[in-house]
Every structure is written in structure tokens, then in C-alpha cells.
Amino acid sequence: MSILVVGSVAFDTVKTPFGEGREVLGGSATHFAVSASFWANVRLVAVVGEDFTDEHRRPLVDRGIDVSGLATAAGRTFRWVGEYDYDLNNPRTLDTQLNVFASFRPEIPLAWRDTPLLFLANIDPDLQRDVLEQVPRASLVAADTMNYWIASKPESLKALLARVRILLINDGEIRQLTGEPNLVRAAAVVRAWGPRTIVIKRGEHGVLVFDAETVFALPAYPLEAVLDPTGAGDAFAGGFLGYLAARGFGEVLDVRRAAVVGSVMASYQVEAFSFDRLATLTWPEIRDRYQKFIHLTRFDPLP
């Protein structure tokens, strides 16, 4: 099953206590697409500037990602500069240059408008709703958002959520969105607005999945070295939705396995800058870490 992702492609400059990446390929659609490409055919819609060359496209094409929807506009590509301290959950934005992304109006190619799985990555909720109008027959729609849109366009975001099956959001964002400090109650509020499944990303503390009146909690994979957490949430979403595209999404266990797959992909994402680690990732490594998650969370009943 194919996945259509609409989001950003950017150049990131990131500094962490463990290194620095300058002008590396980033953006929500990029990290999602690379991760999802291990599981499904990915179609990418975004905009870049005239400074985005064939060399920049090649890593995406090499992963089998269809970049026919990657438009080039006059100007420079979106850029983000950020810095992390030892608390890797909270980056500090030093500079944001929207450039051509400021006037981005997604245009879905006609041949892609029947794509069955649609992921609305982090962009303006008005644009996300416009994309929905262009892909009316998607059988599964998932969306991401961020604190800026929650604060500036809450009603537009709620209107979007009424038409979304899966919402991927972090713990701070869902508290902001609902005004509920308790994540269980916050998930219940959002589910009442429309989404059936709420995936709450908690960084180094793992993930919570609320689906079909059940709750699934998964820790993050314990790593000895984390170089750059940028894009980890998008890599999680790519693994999560990529697995559902490959294996189906009719059962509760499908969603739980997808959450483990997403966590596997995110755990590899943070081991290098940009998606350098995913670029060298192999299937045996994916299977090995999935198995380690099983052992990490398995325990026996009380005697």
C-alpha cells in the first residue's frame, strides 16, 4: 500500500552536546518518508528552493521515494537552526527561515489523489484540510501538529481532527491542546473530537497509544549514545504508518506492533545527524531491535 506524505523539506543546522550537523537534509516530510520507505511505497509532496540540487534529491530517490510531488520554487529552501543541551527533549530554536515554505500551497498530483494512506505532517492546519479535499478517498488519514498551530489556529485544528483517524502528538502539545495535565484524560478529550487512535510521543520516556478503548505503553529503547534527536518523532511516524500500510490496520495488535516498529525506527534515527543512520540501516538490524523491545517489555505473571 502506498503512503502520501505532505510536509516540509528543509536544511537543518543542529548542535548538540555530542556534535554538530550543518545544512543537513531535514524537514518533517523528509524524516517521515525515509523511515516509511522501509515498509511501503512513499509519495512525497513538499516545496524546495532553487538551491536544492539533484545531489540533495538523490538520497530520497535512492530510498525509492517518489519525489514527483517535490516542487521547486524561486528562492531558497526552508532552513532551521537549533541547539540542544543535555536535555535532548527540548531544542532551542536559534533561527528559522521559511523562505519558499512560507508560500507553500500543496498541490497533489492527479495520479496520487487515490492514495489509500495519507499522512499530514506538521504544517498549517488550513493547508492540511485543503490536502484532505484533494485526497477524498484515503482510507486512513493520520496527522501531526505542533504547539505553534495549537496556539494560533486551535479551531482550524479541531476541524481537521474531526476528519482524522490517527493523531500523532507529543505530551506537551496534547496538554496544551486540551488544557488537561493528565494524559489519559487529554487523550479521551481528543478522541471525542474525532480521531480513533491517539499516539502520544514522550521522547526518552517512550510512547502511549490510546486505541479502541485500550491503552498501550512502550518505553523508549535505552541507547548508550544519542547524537541528534531531530526528526525522531517523524521517523517514529514513518515506521508506525509504514507498518500499518504494509500489514493492515484492522486489529488492535496491528497498532501495537506499529508502535514498536515506530520506536525501532526512531531509536536508529537519533544515532546520527539528519537521516544518516537510516541510510545505512539494514533489515537484520530492524528485526534485532524489534526483538530486543520484546525482551525489554516481557515479564512473567506473579506466582
Protein backbone atom coordinates (compact mmCIF):
# COMPACT_ATOMS: atom_id res chain seq x y z
CA MET A 1 0.00 0.00 0.00
CA SER A 2 1.29 3.47 -0.89
CA ILE A 3 1.63 6.37 1.55
CA LEU A 4 1.30 10.02 0.61
CA VAL A 5 3.10 12.47 2.92
CA VAL A 6 2.69 16.25 2.76
CA GLY A 7 5.07 18.34 4.83
CA SER A 8 8.39 20.16 4.84
CA VAL A 9 11.78 19.50 3.31
CA ALA A 10 14.48 21.65 4.85
CA PHE A 11 18.13 22.25 5.52
CA ASP A 12 18.90 21.96 9.24
CA THR A 13 21.86 23.19 11.22
CA VAL A 14 21.85 21.38 14.55
CA LYS A 15 24.21 21.49 17.50
CA THR A 16 24.05 19.02 20.37
CA PRO A 17 26.49 18.31 23.23
CA PHE A 18 27.78 15.44 21.10
CA GLY A 19 28.38 17.07 17.72
CA GLU A 20 27.06 19.35 15.02
CA GLY A 21 25.42 18.97 11.63
CA ARG A 22 25.48 21.94 9.25
CA GLU A 23 22.97 22.37 6.42
CA VAL A 24 21.94 18.71 6.63
CA LEU A 25 18.82 17.44 4.92
CA GLY A 26 15.83 17.61 7.26
CA GLY A 27 12.16 18.52 7.46
CA SER A 28 9.12 16.59 8.65
CA ALA A 29 8.31 15.03 5.27
CA THR A 30 11.94 14.00 4.73
CA HIS A 31 12.37 12.12 8.00
CA PHE A 32 8.94 10.52 7.71
CA ALA A 33 9.47 9.41 4.11
CA VAL A 34 12.89 7.85 4.70
CA SER A 35 11.60 5.87 7.69
CA ALA A 36 8.35 4.78 5.99
CA SER A 37 10.23 3.73 2.83
CA PHE A 38 11.44 0.60 4.61
CA TRP A 39 7.84 -0.61 4.72
CA ALA A 40 5.83 0.94 1.90
CA ASN A 41 5.94 2.96 -1.31
CA VAL A 42 6.14 6.62 -0.34
CA ARG A 43 4.95 9.63 -2.34
CA LEU A 44 6.26 12.98 -1.11
CA VAL A 45 4.70 16.42 -1.61
CA ALA A 46 6.69 19.45 -0.43
CA VAL A 47 8.44 22.54 -1.77
CA VAL A 48 12.14 23.40 -2.03
CA GLY A 49 14.09 26.32 -3.42
CA GLU A 50 16.45 26.70 -6.35
CA ASP A 51 19.35 25.81 -4.05
CA PHE A 52 18.01 22.24 -3.71
CA THR A 53 20.02 20.24 -6.22
CA ASP A 54 19.87 16.77 -7.71
CA GLU A 55 22.50 15.78 -5.16
CA HIS A 56 20.04 16.67 -2.40
CA ARG A 57 17.29 14.64 -4.07
CA ARG A 58 19.45 11.59 -4.59
CA PRO A 59 19.29 10.19 -1.01
CA LEU A 60 15.49 10.28 -1.24
CA VAL A 61 15.39 8.68 -4.66
CA ASP A 62 17.88 6.04 -3.52
CA ARG A 63 15.36 5.02 -0.85
CA GLY A 64 12.73 4.52 -3.56
CA ILE A 65 10.74 7.60 -2.52
CA ASP A 66 8.70 9.14 -5.33
CA VAL A 67 9.63 12.84 -5.36
CA SER A 68 7.45 13.77 -8.34
CA GLY A 69 5.48 15.99 -5.96
CA LEU A 70 8.55 17.85 -4.70
CA ALA A 71 8.07 21.25 -6.29
CA THR A 72 10.83 23.80 -6.88
CA ALA A 73 10.01 27.47 -6.32
CA ALA A 74 12.04 30.63 -6.89
CA GLY A 75 14.03 31.36 -3.75
CA ARG A 76 15.80 29.45 -1.01
CA THR A 77 14.82 26.24 0.75
CA PHE A 78 13.36 26.33 4.28
CA ARG A 79 16.11 26.46 6.93
CA TRP A 80 16.10 25.76 10.65
CA VAL A 81 18.92 26.29 13.14
CA GLY A 82 18.60 24.68 16.56
CA GLU A 83 20.61 23.71 19.60
CA TYR A 84 20.13 21.06 22.28
CA ASP A 85 21.63 20.91 25.75
CA TYR A 86 21.81 17.69 27.74
CA ASP A 87 18.01 17.69 27.99
CA LEU A 88 17.51 16.43 24.45
CA ASN A 89 13.72 16.68 24.68
CA ASN A 90 13.70 20.46 24.32
CA PRO A 91 15.57 22.05 21.40
CA ARG A 92 16.22 25.77 21.37
CA THR A 93 15.43 27.39 18.03
CA LEU A 94 18.14 29.89 17.08
CA ASP A 95 16.90 30.80 13.61
CA THR A 96 14.02 29.93 11.28
CA GLN A 97 13.97 30.98 7.63
CA LEU A 98 10.76 29.81 5.99
CA ASN A 99 11.82 31.05 2.54
CA VAL A 100 9.79 29.23 -0.15
CA PHE A 101 7.93 27.25 2.52
CA ALA A 102 6.16 30.47 3.58
CA SER A 103 4.05 30.41 0.41
CA PHE A 104 3.68 26.62 0.18
CA ARG A 105 0.29 25.57 -1.17
CA PRO A 106 0.28 21.78 -1.59
CA GLU A 107 -0.87 20.57 -4.99
CA ILE A 108 -1.42 16.83 -5.05
CA PRO A 109 -0.66 15.25 -8.46
CA LEU A 110 -3.83 13.87 -10.04
CA ALA A 111 -2.39 10.36 -10.21
CA TRP A 112 -1.85 10.40 -6.43
CA ARG A 113 -5.30 11.53 -5.34
CA ASP A 114 -6.47 7.97 -4.74
CA THR A 115 -3.55 7.10 -2.42
CA PRO A 116 -5.05 4.97 0.37
CA LEU A 117 -2.91 6.21 3.29
CA LEU A 118 -2.35 9.93 3.85
CA PHE A 119 -0.02 11.47 6.42
CA LEU A 120 -0.44 15.17 7.07
CA ALA A 121 2.89 16.15 8.56
CA ASN A 122 3.38 19.29 10.61
CA ILE A 123 2.09 22.19 8.51
CA ASP A 124 -0.68 24.82 8.84
CA PRO A 125 -3.96 23.02 9.66
CA ASP A 126 -5.71 25.07 6.96
CA LEU A 127 -3.31 23.51 4.44
CA GLN A 128 -3.81 20.07 5.95
CA ARG A 129 -7.57 20.43 5.44
CA ASP A 130 -7.02 21.59 1.87
CA VAL A 131 -4.96 18.45 1.19
CA LEU A 132 -7.82 16.35 2.57
CA GLU A 133 -10.13 17.87 -0.04
CA GLN A 134 -7.68 16.77 -2.75
CA VAL A 135 -7.41 13.19 -1.46
CA PRO A 136 -11.05 12.38 -0.65
CA ARG A 137 -10.78 8.59 -0.90
CA ALA A 138 -7.95 7.98 1.54
CA SER A 139 -8.91 5.02 3.73
CA LEU A 140 -6.58 6.06 6.55
CA VAL A 141 -5.69 9.65 7.41
CA ALA A 142 -3.12 10.49 10.08
CA ALA A 143 -1.90 13.90 11.17
CA ASP A 144 0.78 15.60 13.22
CA THR A 145 0.83 19.15 14.58
CA MET A 146 2.88 21.42 16.86
CA ASN A 147 2.47 23.99 19.61
CA TYR A 148 2.52 26.96 17.19
CA TRP A 149 -0.61 25.78 15.37
CA ILE A 150 -2.30 24.78 18.63
CA ALA A 151 -1.84 28.33 19.91
CA SER A 152 -2.57 30.23 16.69
CA LYS A 153 -5.24 28.11 14.94
CA PRO A 154 -6.99 25.91 17.51
CA GLU A 155 -10.40 25.92 15.79
CA SER A 156 -8.95 25.03 12.40
CA LEU A 157 -7.01 22.22 14.05
CA LYS A 158 -10.13 20.87 15.76
CA ALA A 159 -11.99 20.94 12.44
CA LEU A 160 -9.15 18.89 10.95
CA LEU A 161 -9.21 16.37 13.78
CA ALA A 162 -12.87 15.62 13.11
CA ARG A 163 -11.70 14.05 9.81
CA VAL A 164 -8.57 12.28 11.01
CA ARG A 165 -8.32 8.68 12.20
CA ILE A 166 -4.89 8.87 13.86
CA LEU A 167 -3.31 11.83 15.64
CA LEU A 168 0.40 11.76 16.46
CA ILE A 169 1.28 14.40 19.05
CA ASN A 170 3.75 14.86 21.88
CA ASP A 171 2.83 15.06 25.55
CA GLY A 172 3.31 18.81 25.92
CA GLU A 173 1.26 19.53 22.80
CA ILE A 174 -1.75 17.42 23.82
CA ARG A 175 -1.76 19.08 27.25
CA GLN A 176 -1.71 22.47 25.53
CA LEU A 177 -4.42 21.45 23.07
CA THR A 178 -6.85 20.15 25.69
CA GLY A 179 -5.91 22.08 28.82
CA GLU A 180 -5.68 18.69 30.56
CA PRO A 181 -2.49 17.92 32.52
CA ASN A 182 -3.40 14.23 32.74
CA LEU A 183 -2.54 12.38 29.52
CA VAL A 184 -5.29 9.77 29.91
CA ARG A 185 -7.96 12.44 30.20
CA ALA A 186 -6.33 14.51 27.45
CA ALA A 187 -6.46 11.54 25.06
CA ALA A 188 -10.14 10.99 25.90
CA VAL A 189 -10.90 14.64 25.07
CA VAL A 190 -9.20 14.44 21.68
CA ARG A 191 -10.82 11.10 20.84
CA ALA A 192 -14.20 12.72 21.43
CA TRP A 193 -13.31 15.25 18.72
CA GLY A 194 -12.87 12.54 16.09
CA PRO A 195 -9.59 10.59 15.97
CA ARG A 196 -9.93 6.93 16.87
CA THR A 197 -6.27 6.50 17.74
CA ILE A 198 -4.11 8.92 19.73
CA VAL A 199 -0.35 8.35 19.73
CA ILE A 200 1.39 10.43 22.39
CA LYS A 201 5.14 10.72 21.84
CA ARG A 202 7.10 11.19 25.06
CA GLY A 203 10.68 11.39 23.81
CA GLU A 204 13.11 9.46 26.00
CA HIS A 205 10.13 8.27 28.07
CA GLY A 206 8.57 6.30 25.22
CA VAL A 207 5.08 6.40 23.76
CA LEU A 208 1.45 5.97 24.82
CA VAL A 209 -1.15 4.68 22.35
CA PHE A 210 -4.87 5.08 23.02
CA ASP A 211 -6.88 2.97 20.60
CA ALA A 212 -10.28 1.21 20.64
CA GLU A 213 -10.74 1.75 24.40
CA THR A 214 -7.33 0.20 25.13
CA VAL A 215 -4.03 1.73 26.20
CA PHE A 216 -0.57 0.57 25.16
CA ALA A 217 2.56 1.92 26.84
CA LEU A 218 6.04 1.37 25.43
CA PRO A 219 9.36 2.64 26.78
CA ALA A 220 11.97 4.25 24.58
CA TYR A 221 14.85 1.98 23.63
CA PRO A 222 17.78 2.57 26.03
CA LEU A 223 20.72 3.82 23.99
CA GLU A 224 24.30 4.40 25.03
CA ALA A 225 24.71 7.30 22.60
CA VAL A 226 22.20 9.78 21.20
CA LEU A 227 23.76 12.24 18.74
CA ASP A 228 20.75 14.16 17.40
CA PRO A 229 17.05 13.76 18.30
CA THR A 230 15.90 15.98 15.41
CA GLY A 231 13.33 14.14 13.31
CA ALA A 232 12.83 11.31 15.81
CA GLY A 233 9.09 11.94 16.01
CA ASP A 234 8.77 11.95 12.23
CA ALA A 235 10.84 8.78 11.95
CA PHE A 236 8.53 7.21 14.54
CA ALA A 237 5.51 8.25 12.46
CA GLY A 238 7.14 6.81 9.33
CA GLY A 239 7.72 3.45 10.95
CA PHE A 240 4.30 3.43 12.61
CA LEU A 241 2.31 4.24 9.47
CA GLY A 242 4.65 2.35 7.18
CA TYR A 243 4.00 -0.82 9.14
CA LEU A 244 0.23 -0.25 9.02
CA ALA A 245 0.45 0.30 5.26
CA ALA A 246 2.37 -2.95 4.86
CA ARG A 247 0.45 -5.14 7.30
CA GLY A 248 -3.03 -3.64 7.65
CA PHE A 249 -4.74 -1.69 10.36
CA GLY A 250 -7.82 -3.65 11.30
CA GLU A 251 -6.80 -5.04 14.68
CA VAL A 252 -5.61 -3.60 17.98
CA LEU A 253 -2.45 -5.71 17.74
CA ASP A 254 -1.63 -4.08 14.39
CA VAL A 255 -1.45 -0.70 16.11
CA ARG A 256 0.66 -2.06 18.95
CA ARG A 257 3.17 -3.68 16.62
CA ALA A 258 3.24 -0.47 14.60
CA ALA A 259 4.15 1.47 17.75
CA VAL A 260 7.09 -0.88 18.34
CA VAL A 261 8.22 -0.52 14.73
CA GLY A 262 7.97 3.26 15.02
CA SER A 263 10.04 3.16 18.19
CA VAL A 264 12.64 0.99 16.47
CA MET A 265 12.98 3.46 13.60
CA ALA A 266 13.14 6.46 15.95
CA SER A 267 15.83 4.76 18.05
CA TYR A 268 18.05 4.43 14.98
CA GLN A 269 17.21 7.94 13.76
CA VAL A 270 18.78 9.57 16.83
CA GLU A 271 22.10 7.75 16.45
CA ALA A 272 23.34 10.23 13.79
CA PHE A 273 22.60 13.63 12.28
CA SER A 274 19.98 14.03 9.55
CA PHE A 275 18.91 10.53 8.47
CA ASP A 276 22.49 9.27 8.09
CA ARG A 277 21.82 6.27 10.34
CA LEU A 278 18.65 5.26 8.49
CA ALA A 279 20.57 5.49 5.22
CA THR A 280 22.75 2.58 6.33
CA LEU A 281 20.10 0.67 8.28
CA THR A 282 19.56 -2.98 7.37
CA TRP A 283 16.64 -5.36 7.83
CA PRO A 284 18.58 -7.62 10.22
CA GLU A 285 19.19 -4.56 12.44
CA ILE A 286 15.49 -3.68 12.40
CA ARG A 287 14.47 -7.22 13.30
CA ASP A 288 17.13 -7.42 16.02
CA ARG A 289 15.99 -4.24 17.76
CA TYR A 290 12.31 -5.21 17.44
CA GLN A 291 13.19 -8.49 19.21
CA LYS A 292 15.05 -6.54 21.89
CA PHE A 293 11.91 -4.49 22.51
CA ILE A 294 10.05 -7.75 23.12
CA HIS A 295 12.63 -8.82 25.71
CA LEU A 296 12.73 -5.32 27.18
CA THR A 297 9.00 -5.36 27.96
CA ARG A 298 8.39 -9.06 28.72
CA PHE A 299 7.79 -10.28 32.25
CA ASP A 300 6.10 -13.26 33.92
CA PRO A 301 2.84 -13.30 35.93
CA LEU A 302 3.02 -13.12 39.69
CA PRO A 303 3.29 -16.61 41.23
